[in-house]
Amino acid sequence: MDRGTDACAYLSNEVVPLRLGYIGVVNRCQQDIAQRRSIREARAAENEFFRHHPAYAEVHHTGSHTTAFALWTPFLKDFARRISTPTPRFQSPISTPFNFS
């Protein structure tokens, strides 16, 4: 997202509701990469963009609907939930004793 984009209705999950909602991010551009801008600097700039942008400041302040960091939170929770309970396909070979004969 950049200047001129207003996706507040999407970030508020009002247009096309998704179970986990939407999260707005600002991607690094090729110029950032060419200028060797670090990930830490890019994350700080992304945070500043959402904090000070007139359209996104309220969405950024009221919830975790913005920044790439917020994108990882639901992903990691879902990933941890999925790997903590093995699927039957994997559980069966693991719980069956090995037969070395």
PDB file of N, CA and C in Angstrom:
ATOM      1  N   MET A   1       0.845  -1.162   0.000  1.00  0.00           N
ATOM      2  CA  MET A   1       0.000   0.000   0.000  1.00  0.00           C
ATOM      3  C   MET A   1       0.892   1.227   0.000  1.00  0.00           C
ATOM      4  N   ASP A   2       0.406   2.255  -0.618  1.00  0.00           N
ATOM      5  CA  ASP A   2       1.200   3.475  -0.694  1.00  0.00           C
ATOM      6  C   ASP A   2       0.267   4.674  -0.740  1.00  0.00           C
ATOM      7  N   ARG A   3       0.850   5.837  -0.981  1.00  0.00           N
ATOM      8  CA  ARG A   3       0.051   7.060  -1.050  1.00  0.00           C
ATOM      9  C   ARG A   3      -1.041   6.896  -2.101  1.00  0.00           C
ATOM     10  N   GLY A   4      -2.238   7.392  -1.775  1.00  0.00           N
ATOM     11  CA  GLY A   4      -3.350   7.322  -2.704  1.00  0.00           C
ATOM     12  C   GLY A   4      -4.205   6.077  -2.560  1.00  0.00           C
ATOM     13  N   THR A   5      -3.784   5.142  -1.732  1.00  0.00           N
ATOM     14  CA  THR A   5      -4.547   3.919  -1.517  1.00  0.00           C
ATOM     15  C   THR A   5      -5.329   4.054  -0.216  1.00  0.00           C
ATOM     16  N   ASP A   6      -6.615   3.714  -0.251  1.00  0.00           N
ATOM     17  CA  ASP A   6      -7.418   3.722   0.961  1.00  0.00           C
ATOM     18  C   ASP A   6      -8.142   2.379   1.057  1.00  0.00           C
ATOM     19  N   ALA A   7      -7.630   1.525   1.879  1.00  0.00           N
ATOM     20  CA  ALA A   7      -8.196   0.190   2.029  1.00  0.00           C
ATOM     21  C   ALA A   7      -8.748  -0.028   3.431  1.00  0.00           C
ATOM     22  N   CYS A   8      -9.143   1.045   4.098  1.00  0.00           N
ATOM     23  CA  CYS A   8      -9.627   0.937   5.483  1.00  0.00           C
ATOM     24  C   CYS A   8     -10.818   0.006   5.610  1.00  0.00           C
ATOM     25  N   ALA A   9     -11.742   0.059   4.661  1.00  0.00           N
ATOM     26  CA  ALA A   9     -12.913  -0.810   4.725  1.00  0.00           C
ATOM     27  C   ALA A   9     -12.496  -2.277   4.634  1.00  0.00           C
ATOM     28  N   TYR A  10     -11.483  -2.567   3.835  1.00  0.00           N
ATOM     29  CA  TYR A  10     -10.982  -3.941   3.744  1.00  0.00           C
ATOM     30  C   TYR A  10     -10.270  -4.337   5.034  1.00  0.00           C
ATOM     31  N   LEU A  11      -9.421  -3.453   5.539  1.00  0.00           N
ATOM     32  CA  LEU A  11      -8.681  -3.760   6.761  1.00  0.00           C
ATOM     33  C   LEU A  11      -9.618  -3.941   7.946  1.00  0.00           C
ATOM     34  N   SER A  12     -10.772  -3.293   7.893  1.00  0.00           N
ATOM     35  CA  SER A  12     -11.773  -3.457   8.947  1.00  0.00           C
ATOM     36  C   SER A  12     -12.648  -4.683   8.704  1.00  0.00           C
ATOM     37  N   ASN A  13     -12.368  -5.413   7.623  1.00  0.00           N
ATOM     38  CA  ASN A  13     -13.071  -6.651   7.277  1.00  0.00           C
ATOM     39  C   ASN A  13     -14.547  -6.406   6.963  1.00  0.00           C
ATOM     40  N   GLU A  14     -14.846  -5.258   6.338  1.00  0.00           N
ATOM     41  CA  GLU A  14     -16.226  -4.878   6.055  1.00  0.00           C
ATOM     42  C   GLU A  14     -16.668  -5.202   4.632  1.00  0.00           C
ATOM     43  N   VAL A  15     -15.774  -5.233   3.675  1.00  0.00           N
ATOM     44  CA  VAL A  15     -16.145  -5.393   2.268  1.00  0.00           C
ATOM     45  C   VAL A  15     -16.376  -6.863   1.929  1.00  0.00           C
ATOM     46  N   VAL A  16     -15.346  -7.641   2.036  1.00  0.00           N
ATOM     47  CA  VAL A  16     -15.419  -9.086   1.814  1.00  0.00           C
ATOM     48  C   VAL A  16     -14.865  -9.727   3.079  1.00  0.00           C
ATOM     49  N   PRO A  17     -15.728 -10.094   4.011  1.00  0.00           N
ATOM     50  CA  PRO A  17     -15.237 -10.624   5.286  1.00  0.00           C
ATOM     51  C   PRO A  17     -14.460 -11.930   5.129  1.00  0.00           C
ATOM     52  N   LEU A  18     -13.330 -11.966   5.791  1.00  0.00           N
ATOM     53  CA  LEU A  18     -12.505 -13.176   5.848  1.00  0.00           C
ATOM     54  C   LEU A  18     -12.440 -13.632   7.301  1.00  0.00           C
ATOM     55  N   ARG A  19     -12.311 -14.919   7.508  1.00  0.00           N
ATOM     56  CA  ARG A  19     -12.274 -15.463   8.865  1.00  0.00           C
ATOM     57  C   ARG A  19     -11.157 -14.826   9.695  1.00  0.00           C
ATOM     58  N   LEU A  20      -9.987 -14.674   9.109  1.00  0.00           N
ATOM     59  CA  LEU A  20      -8.858 -14.073   9.830  1.00  0.00           C
ATOM     60  C   LEU A  20      -8.672 -12.597   9.512  1.00  0.00           C
ATOM     61  N   GLY A  21      -9.501 -12.043   8.654  1.00  0.00           N
ATOM     62  CA  GLY A  21      -9.414 -10.625   8.315  1.00  0.00           C
ATOM     63  C   GLY A  21      -8.263 -10.318   7.375  1.00  0.00           C
ATOM     64  N   TYR A  22      -8.034  -9.033   7.184  1.00  0.00           N
ATOM     65  CA  TYR A  22      -6.980  -8.543   6.299  1.00  0.00           C
ATOM     66  C   TYR A  22      -5.907  -7.860   7.125  1.00  0.00           C
ATOM     67  N   ILE A  23      -4.702  -7.843   6.604  1.00  0.00           N
ATOM     68  CA  ILE A  23      -3.606  -7.123   7.247  1.00  0.00           C
ATOM     69  C   ILE A  23      -2.874  -6.336   6.170  1.00  0.00           C
ATOM     70  N   GLY A  24      -2.792  -5.036   6.352  1.00  0.00           N
ATOM     71  CA  GLY A  24      -2.107  -4.170   5.401  1.00  0.00           C
ATOM     72  C   GLY A  24      -0.617  -4.146   5.654  1.00  0.00           C
ATOM     73  N   VAL A  25       0.151  -4.242   4.607  1.00  0.00           N
ATOM     74  CA  VAL A  25       1.608  -4.184   4.716  1.00  0.00           C
ATOM     75  C   VAL A  25       2.154  -3.222   3.676  1.00  0.00           C
ATOM     76  N   VAL A  26       3.330  -2.713   3.928  1.00  0.00           N
ATOM     77  CA  VAL A  26       4.065  -1.901   2.964  1.00  0.00           C
ATOM     78  C   VAL A  26       5.299  -2.708   2.595  1.00  0.00           C
ATOM     79  N   ASN A  27       5.377  -3.120   1.353  1.00  0.00           N
ATOM     80  CA  ASN A  27       6.507  -3.921   0.902  1.00  0.00           C
ATOM     81  C   ASN A  27       7.711  -3.040   0.592  1.00  0.00           C
ATOM     82  N   ARG A  28       8.894  -3.625   0.715  1.00  0.00           N
ATOM     83  CA  ARG A  28      10.093  -2.916   0.289  1.00  0.00           C
ATOM     84  C   ARG A  28      10.093  -2.859  -1.226  1.00  0.00           C
ATOM     85  N   CYS A  29      10.506  -1.753  -1.770  1.00  0.00           N
ATOM     86  CA  CYS A  29      10.573  -1.616  -3.218  1.00  0.00           C
ATOM     87  C   CYS A  29      12.003  -1.905  -3.693  1.00  0.00           C
ATOM     88  N   GLN A  30      12.163  -1.980  -4.983  1.00  0.00           N
ATOM     89  CA  GLN A  30      13.477  -2.274  -5.550  1.00  0.00           C
ATOM     90  C   GLN A  30      14.494  -1.205  -5.159  1.00  0.00           C
ATOM     91  N   GLN A  31      14.047   0.037  -5.051  1.00  0.00           N
ATOM     92  CA  GLN A  31      14.946   1.120  -4.653  1.00  0.00           C
ATOM     93  C   GLN A  31      15.461   0.880  -3.224  1.00  0.00           C
ATOM     94  N   ASP A  32      14.594   0.411  -2.333  1.00  0.00           N
ATOM     95  CA  ASP A  32      15.030   0.096  -0.968  1.00  0.00           C
ATOM     96  C   ASP A  32      16.115  -0.972  -0.975  1.00  0.00           C
ATOM     97  N   ILE A  33      15.932  -1.973  -1.802  1.00  0.00           N
ATOM     98  CA  ILE A  33      16.910  -3.055  -1.890  1.00  0.00           C
ATOM     99  C   ILE A  33      18.217  -2.542  -2.473  1.00  0.00           C
ATOM    100  N   ALA A  34      18.114  -1.741  -3.535  1.00  0.00           N
ATOM    101  CA  ALA A  34      19.319  -1.197  -4.170  1.00  0.00           C
ATOM    102  C   ALA A  34      20.097  -0.292  -3.222  1.00  0.00           C
ATOM    103  N   GLN A  35      19.382   0.421  -2.369  1.00  0.00           N
ATOM    104  CA  GLN A  35      20.031   1.312  -1.399  1.00  0.00           C
ATOM    105  C   GLN A  35      20.416   0.585  -0.109  1.00  0.00           C
ATOM    106  N   ARG A  36      20.260  -0.731  -0.125  1.00  0.00           N
ATOM    107  CA  ARG A  36      20.622  -1.580   1.011  1.00  0.00           C
ATOM    108  C   ARG A  36      19.913  -1.181   2.304  1.00  0.00           C
ATOM    109  N   ARG A  37      18.643  -0.858   2.170  1.00  0.00           N
ATOM    110  CA  ARG A  37      17.835  -0.537   3.340  1.00  0.00           C
ATOM    111  C   ARG A  37      17.572  -1.836   4.093  1.00  0.00           C
ATOM    112  N   SER A  38      17.860  -1.853   5.374  1.00  0.00           N
ATOM    113  CA  SER A  38      17.718  -3.076   6.156  1.00  0.00           C
ATOM    114  C   SER A  38      16.243  -3.390   6.412  1.00  0.00           C
ATOM    115  N   ILE A  39      16.000  -4.630   6.779  1.00  0.00           N
ATOM    116  CA  ILE A  39      14.646  -5.046   7.135  1.00  0.00           C
ATOM    117  C   ILE A  39      14.166  -4.241   8.346  1.00  0.00           C
ATOM    118  N   ARG A  40      15.047  -4.036   9.285  1.00  0.00           N
ATOM    119  CA  ARG A  40      14.696  -3.251  10.483  1.00  0.00           C
ATOM    120  C   ARG A  40      14.263  -1.838  10.091  1.00  0.00           C
ATOM    121  N   GLU A  41      14.993  -1.202   9.184  1.00  0.00           N
ATOM    122  CA  GLU A  41      14.623   0.142   8.718  1.00  0.00           C
ATOM    123  C   GLU A  41      13.295   0.109   7.969  1.00  0.00           C
ATOM    124  N   ALA A  42      13.090  -0.916   7.156  1.00  0.00           N
ATOM    125  CA  ALA A  42      11.847  -1.036   6.393  1.00  0.00           C
ATOM    126  C   ALA A  42      10.661  -1.241   7.325  1.00  0.00           C
ATOM    127  N   ARG A  43      10.828  -2.052   8.359  1.00  0.00           N
ATOM    128  CA  ARG A  43       9.737  -2.258   9.319  1.00  0.00           C
ATOM    129  C   ARG A  43       9.416  -0.982  10.071  1.00  0.00           C
ATOM    130  N   ALA A  44      10.442  -0.220  10.427  1.00  0.00           N
ATOM    131  CA  ALA A  44      10.213   1.051  11.116  1.00  0.00           C
ATOM    132  C   ALA A  44       9.483   2.032  10.200  1.00  0.00           C
ATOM    133  N   ALA A  45       9.881   2.095   8.933  1.00  0.00           N
ATOM    134  CA  ALA A  45       9.218   2.984   7.972  1.00  0.00           C
ATOM    135  C   ALA A  45       7.769   2.546   7.737  1.00  0.00           C
ATOM    136  N   GLU A  46       7.531   1.239   7.682  1.00  0.00           N
ATOM    137  CA  GLU A  46       6.173   0.721   7.520  1.00  0.00           C
ATOM    138  C   GLU A  46       5.300   1.139   8.704  1.00  0.00           C
ATOM    139  N   ASN A  47       5.832   0.993   9.899  1.00  0.00           N
ATOM    140  CA  ASN A  47       5.103   1.382  11.101  1.00  0.00           C
ATOM    141  C   ASN A  47       4.780   2.875  11.089  1.00  0.00           C
ATOM    142  N   GLU A  48       5.755   3.676  10.715  1.00  0.00           N
ATOM    143  CA  GLU A  48       5.544   5.131  10.631  1.00  0.00           C
ATOM    144  C   GLU A  48       4.498   5.481   9.573  1.00  0.00           C
ATOM    145  N   PHE A  49       4.528   4.779   8.442  1.00  0.00           N
ATOM    146  CA  PHE A  49       3.552   5.025   7.384  1.00  0.00           C
ATOM    147  C   PHE A  49       2.141   4.844   7.925  1.00  0.00           C
ATOM    148  N   PHE A  50       1.880   3.723   8.576  1.00  0.00           N
ATOM    149  CA  PHE A  50       0.536   3.463   9.082  1.00  0.00           C
ATOM    150  C   PHE A  50       0.180   4.360  10.255  1.00  0.00           C
ATOM    151  N   ARG A  51       1.157   4.693  11.084  1.00  0.00           N
ATOM    152  CA  ARG A  51       0.878   5.530  12.249  1.00  0.00           C
ATOM    153  C   ARG A  51       0.499   6.946  11.839  1.00  0.00           C
ATOM    154  N   HIS A  52       1.124   7.481  10.782  1.00  0.00           N
ATOM    155  CA  HIS A  52       0.907   8.880  10.422  1.00  0.00           C
ATOM    156  C   HIS A  52       0.015   9.094   9.206  1.00  0.00           C
ATOM    157  N   HIS A  53      -0.341   8.055   8.488  1.00  0.00           N
ATOM    158  CA  HIS A  53      -1.203   8.195   7.310  1.00  0.00           C
ATOM    159  C   HIS A  53      -2.611   8.539   7.782  1.00  0.00           C
ATOM    160  N   PRO A  54      -3.221   9.599   7.207  1.00  0.00           N
ATOM    161  CA  PRO A  54      -4.549  10.019   7.677  1.00  0.00           C
ATOM    162  C   PRO A  54      -5.609   8.914   7.591  1.00  0.00           C
ATOM    163  N   ALA A  55      -5.556   8.090   6.572  1.00  0.00           N
ATOM    164  CA  ALA A  55      -6.571   7.048   6.400  1.00  0.00           C
ATOM    165  C   ALA A  55      -6.325   5.840   7.296  1.00  0.00           C
ATOM    166  N   TYR A  56      -5.077   5.541   7.626  1.00  0.00           N
ATOM    167  CA  TYR A  56      -4.763   4.302   8.340  1.00  0.00           C
ATOM    168  C   TYR A  56      -4.419   4.478   9.809  1.00  0.00           C
ATOM    169  N   ALA A  57      -4.223   5.693  10.261  1.00  0.00           N
ATOM    170  CA  ALA A  57      -3.797   5.907  11.650  1.00  0.00           C
ATOM    171  C   ALA A  57      -4.769   5.277  12.638  1.00  0.00           C
ATOM    172  N   GLU A  58      -6.063   5.426  12.404  1.00  0.00           N
ATOM    173  CA  GLU A  58      -7.044   4.867  13.331  1.00  0.00           C
ATOM    174  C   GLU A  58      -7.067   3.338  13.264  1.00  0.00           C
ATOM    175  N   VAL A  59      -7.010   2.786  12.067  1.00  0.00           N
ATOM    176  CA  VAL A  59      -6.999   1.325  11.913  1.00  0.00           C
ATOM    177  C   VAL A  59      -5.741   0.750  12.556  1.00  0.00           C
ATOM    178  N   HIS A  60      -4.615   1.420  12.376  1.00  0.00           N
ATOM    179  CA  HIS A  60      -3.345   0.969  12.951  1.00  0.00           C
ATOM    180  C   HIS A  60      -3.407   1.016  14.473  1.00  0.00           C
ATOM    181  N   HIS A  61      -4.029   2.054  14.993  1.00  0.00           N
ATOM    182  CA  HIS A  61      -4.082   2.259  16.447  1.00  0.00           C
ATOM    183  C   HIS A  61      -5.065   1.304  17.125  1.00  0.00           C
ATOM    184  N   THR A  62      -6.188   0.999  16.478  1.00  0.00           N
ATOM    185  CA  THR A  62      -7.251   0.232  17.133  1.00  0.00           C
ATOM    186  C   THR A  62      -7.042  -1.276  17.111  1.00  0.00           C
ATOM    187  N   GLY A  63      -6.193  -1.778  16.280  1.00  0.00           N
ATOM    188  CA  GLY A  63      -6.028  -3.227  16.238  1.00  0.00           C
ATOM    189  C   GLY A  63      -4.769  -3.630  15.517  1.00  0.00           C
ATOM    190  N   SER A  64      -4.629  -4.918  15.324  1.00  0.00           N
ATOM    191  CA  SER A  64      -3.423  -5.435  14.668  1.00  0.00           C
ATOM    192  C   SER A  64      -3.724  -5.737  13.208  1.00  0.00           C
ATOM    193  N   HIS A  65      -4.203  -4.732  12.480  1.00  0.00           N
ATOM    194  CA  HIS A  65      -4.575  -4.914  11.076  1.00  0.00           C
ATOM    195  C   HIS A  65      -3.509  -4.380  10.122  1.00  0.00           C
ATOM    196  N   THR A  66      -2.398  -3.935  10.643  1.00  0.00           N
ATOM    197  CA  THR A  66      -1.359  -3.366   9.793  1.00  0.00           C
ATOM    198  C   THR A  66       0.011  -3.855  10.226  1.00  0.00           C
ATOM    199  N   THR A  67       0.934  -3.800   9.331  1.00  0.00           N
ATOM    200  CA  THR A  67       2.357  -4.159   9.421  1.00  0.00           C
ATOM    201  C   THR A  67       2.604  -5.641   9.207  1.00  0.00           C
ATOM    202  N   ALA A  68       3.729  -5.907   8.594  1.00  0.00           N
ATOM    203  CA  ALA A  68       4.125  -7.282   8.303  1.00  0.00           C
ATOM    204  C   ALA A  68       4.275  -8.094   9.584  1.00  0.00           C
ATOM    205  N   PHE A  69       4.682  -7.440  10.663  1.00  0.00           N
ATOM    206  CA  PHE A  69       4.812  -8.141  11.946  1.00  0.00           C
ATOM    207  C   PHE A  69       3.462  -8.701  12.389  1.00  0.00           C
ATOM    208  N   ALA A  70       2.398  -7.911  12.217  1.00  0.00           N
ATOM    209  CA  ALA A  70       1.049  -8.370  12.578  1.00  0.00           C
ATOM    210  C   ALA A  70       0.610  -9.528  11.691  1.00  0.00           C
ATOM    211  N   LEU A  71       1.130  -9.586  10.497  1.00  0.00           N
ATOM    212  CA  LEU A  71       0.792 -10.676   9.583  1.00  0.00           C
ATOM    213  C   LEU A  71       1.280 -12.017  10.121  1.00  0.00           C
ATOM    214  N   TRP A  72       2.411 -12.014  10.811  1.00  0.00           N
ATOM    215  CA  TRP A  72       2.976 -13.258  11.322  1.00  0.00           C
ATOM    216  C   TRP A  72       2.219 -13.810  12.515  1.00  0.00           C
ATOM    217  N   THR A  73       1.572 -12.972  13.296  1.00  0.00           N
ATOM    218  CA  THR A  73       0.917 -13.435  14.518  1.00  0.00           C
ATOM    219  C   THR A  73      -0.129 -14.506  14.243  1.00  0.00           C
ATOM    220  N   PRO A  74      -1.138 -14.260  13.387  1.00  0.00           N
ATOM    221  CA  PRO A  74      -2.106 -15.334  13.147  1.00  0.00           C
ATOM    222  C   PRO A  74      -1.493 -16.533  12.431  1.00  0.00           C
ATOM    223  N   PHE A  75      -0.524 -16.271  11.577  1.00  0.00           N
ATOM    224  CA  PHE A  75       0.131 -17.367  10.870  1.00  0.00           C
ATOM    225  C   PHE A  75       0.843 -18.296  11.854  1.00  0.00           C
ATOM    226  N   LEU A  76       1.612 -17.719  12.764  1.00  0.00           N
ATOM    227  CA  LEU A  76       2.354 -18.542  13.722  1.00  0.00           C
ATOM    228  C   LEU A  76       1.426 -19.276  14.676  1.00  0.00           C
ATOM    229  N   LYS A  77       0.341 -18.627  15.097  1.00  0.00           N
ATOM    230  CA  LYS A  77      -0.617 -19.303  15.976  1.00  0.00           C
ATOM    231  C   LYS A  77      -1.240 -20.495  15.265  1.00  0.00           C
ATOM    232  N   ASP A  78      -1.634 -20.318  14.016  1.00  0.00           N
ATOM    233  CA  ASP A  78      -2.235 -21.398  13.253  1.00  0.00           C
ATOM    234  C   ASP A  78      -1.214 -22.516  13.009  1.00  0.00           C
ATOM    235  N   PHE A  79       0.001 -22.141  12.669  1.00  0.00           N
ATOM    236  CA  PHE A  79       1.058 -23.125  12.435  1.00  0.00           C
ATOM    237  C   PHE A  79       1.327 -23.941  13.698  1.00  0.00           C
ATOM    238  N   ALA A  80       1.428 -23.267  14.840  1.00  0.00           N
ATOM    239  CA  ALA A  80       1.679 -23.972  16.094  1.00  0.00           C
ATOM    240  C   ALA A  80       0.531 -24.915  16.428  1.00  0.00           C
ATOM    241  N   ARG A  81      -0.693 -24.482  16.181  1.00  0.00           N
ATOM    242  CA  ARG A  81      -1.852 -25.333  16.441  1.00  0.00           C
ATOM    243  C   ARG A  81      -1.816 -26.575  15.552  1.00  0.00           C
ATOM    244  N   ARG A  82      -1.461 -26.363  14.292  1.00  0.00           N
ATOM    245  CA  ARG A  82      -1.455 -27.484  13.347  1.00  0.00           C
ATOM    246  C   ARG A  82      -0.350 -28.502  13.637  1.00  0.00           C
ATOM    247  N   ILE A  83       0.802 -28.060  14.054  1.00  0.00           N
ATOM    248  CA  ILE A  83       1.882 -29.022  14.301  1.00  0.00           C
ATOM    249  C   ILE A  83       1.796 -29.645  15.679  1.00  0.00           C
ATOM    250  N   SER A  84       1.016 -29.064  16.579  1.00  0.00           N
ATOM    251  CA  SER A  84       0.928 -29.632  17.924  1.00  0.00           C
ATOM    252  C   SER A  84       0.036 -30.869  17.961  1.00  0.00           C
ATOM    253  N   THR A  85      -0.881 -31.002  17.021  1.00  0.00           N
ATOM    254  CA  THR A  85      -1.721 -32.194  16.944  1.00  0.00           C
ATOM    255  C   THR A  85      -1.406 -32.909  15.645  1.00  0.00           C
ATOM    256  N   PRO A  86      -0.711 -34.037  15.727  1.00  0.00           N
ATOM    257  CA  PRO A  86      -0.323 -34.737  14.498  1.00  0.00           C
ATOM    258  C   PRO A  86      -1.536 -35.275  13.744  1.00  0.00           C
ATOM    259  N   THR A  87      -1.447 -35.270  12.467  1.00  0.00           N
ATOM    260  CA  THR A  87      -2.513 -35.822  11.647  1.00  0.00           C
ATOM    261  C   THR A  87      -2.464 -37.334  11.726  1.00  0.00           C
ATOM    262  N   PRO A  88      -3.599 -38.010  11.531  1.00  0.00           N
ATOM    263  CA  PRO A  88      -3.606 -39.478  11.608  1.00  0.00           C
ATOM    264  C   PRO A  88      -2.612 -40.129  10.646  1.00  0.00           C
ATOM    265  N   ARG A  89      -2.386 -39.519   9.499  1.00  0.00           N
ATOM    266  CA  ARG A  89      -1.458 -40.081   8.520  1.00  0.00           C
ATOM    267  C   ARG A  89      -0.043 -40.194   9.083  1.00  0.00           C
ATOM    268  N   PHE A  90       0.368 -39.186   9.870  1.00  0.00           N
ATOM    269  CA  PHE A  90       1.706 -39.200  10.450  1.00  0.00           C
ATOM    270  C   PHE A  90       1.726 -39.903  11.802  1.00  0.00           C
ATOM    271  N   GLN A  91       0.639 -39.831  12.523  1.00  0.00           N
ATOM    272  CA  GLN A  91       0.594 -40.407  13.862  1.00  0.00           C
ATOM    273  C   GLN A  91       0.707 -41.927  13.814  1.00  0.00           C
ATOM    274  N   SER A  92       0.080 -42.568  12.842  1.00  0.00           N
ATOM    275  CA  SER A  92       0.084 -44.028  12.750  1.00  0.00           C
ATOM    276  C   SER A  92       1.494 -44.594  12.600  1.00  0.00           C
ATOM    277  N   PRO A  93       2.306 -44.134  11.623  1.00  0.00           N
ATOM    278  CA  PRO A  93       3.657 -44.696  11.511  1.00  0.00           C
ATOM    279  C   PRO A  93       4.539 -44.388  12.713  1.00  0.00           C
ATOM    280  N   ILE A  94       4.294 -43.262  13.352  1.00  0.00           N
ATOM    281  CA  ILE A  94       5.126 -42.883  14.493  1.00  0.00           C
ATOM    282  C   ILE A  94       4.807 -43.759  15.693  1.00  0.00           C
ATOM    283  N   SER A  95       3.517 -44.029  15.924  1.00  0.00           N
ATOM    284  CA  SER A  95       3.142 -44.797  17.109  1.00  0.00           C
ATOM    285  C   SER A  95       3.272 -46.299  16.908  1.00  0.00           C
ATOM    286  N   THR A  96       3.423 -46.790  15.673  1.00  0.00           N
ATOM    287  CA  THR A  96       3.618 -48.210  15.403  1.00  0.00           C
ATOM    288  C   THR A  96       5.084 -48.544  15.627  1.00  0.00           C
ATOM    289  N   PRO A  97       5.356 -49.579  16.431  1.00  0.00           N
ATOM    290  CA  PRO A  97       6.770 -49.933  16.678  1.00  0.00           C
ATOM    291  C   PRO A  97       7.461 -50.341  15.382  1.00  0.00           C
ATOM    292  N   PHE A  98       8.731 -50.063  15.291  1.00  0.00           N
ATOM    293  CA  PHE A  98       9.506 -50.436  14.118  1.00  0.00           C
ATOM    294  C   PHE A  98       9.705 -51.941  14.095  1.00  0.00           C
ATOM    295  N   ASN A  99       9.626 -52.512  12.909  1.00  0.00           N
ATOM    296  CA  ASN A  99       9.852 -53.937  12.737  1.00  0.00           C
ATOM    297  C   ASN A  99      11.162 -54.097  11.970  1.00  0.00           C
ATOM    298  N   PHE A 100      12.211 -54.554  12.641  1.00  0.00           N
ATOM    299  CA  PHE A 100      13.526 -54.663  12.028  1.00  0.00           C
ATOM    300  C   PHE A 100      13.830 -56.057  11.496  1.00  0.00           C
ATOM    301  N   SER A 101      12.876 -56.966  11.425  1.00  0.00           N
ATOM    302  CA  SER A 101      13.181 -58.324  10.962  1.00  0.00           C
ATOM    303  C   SER A 101      13.251 -58.435   9.486  1.00  0.00           C
TER     304      SER A 101
END
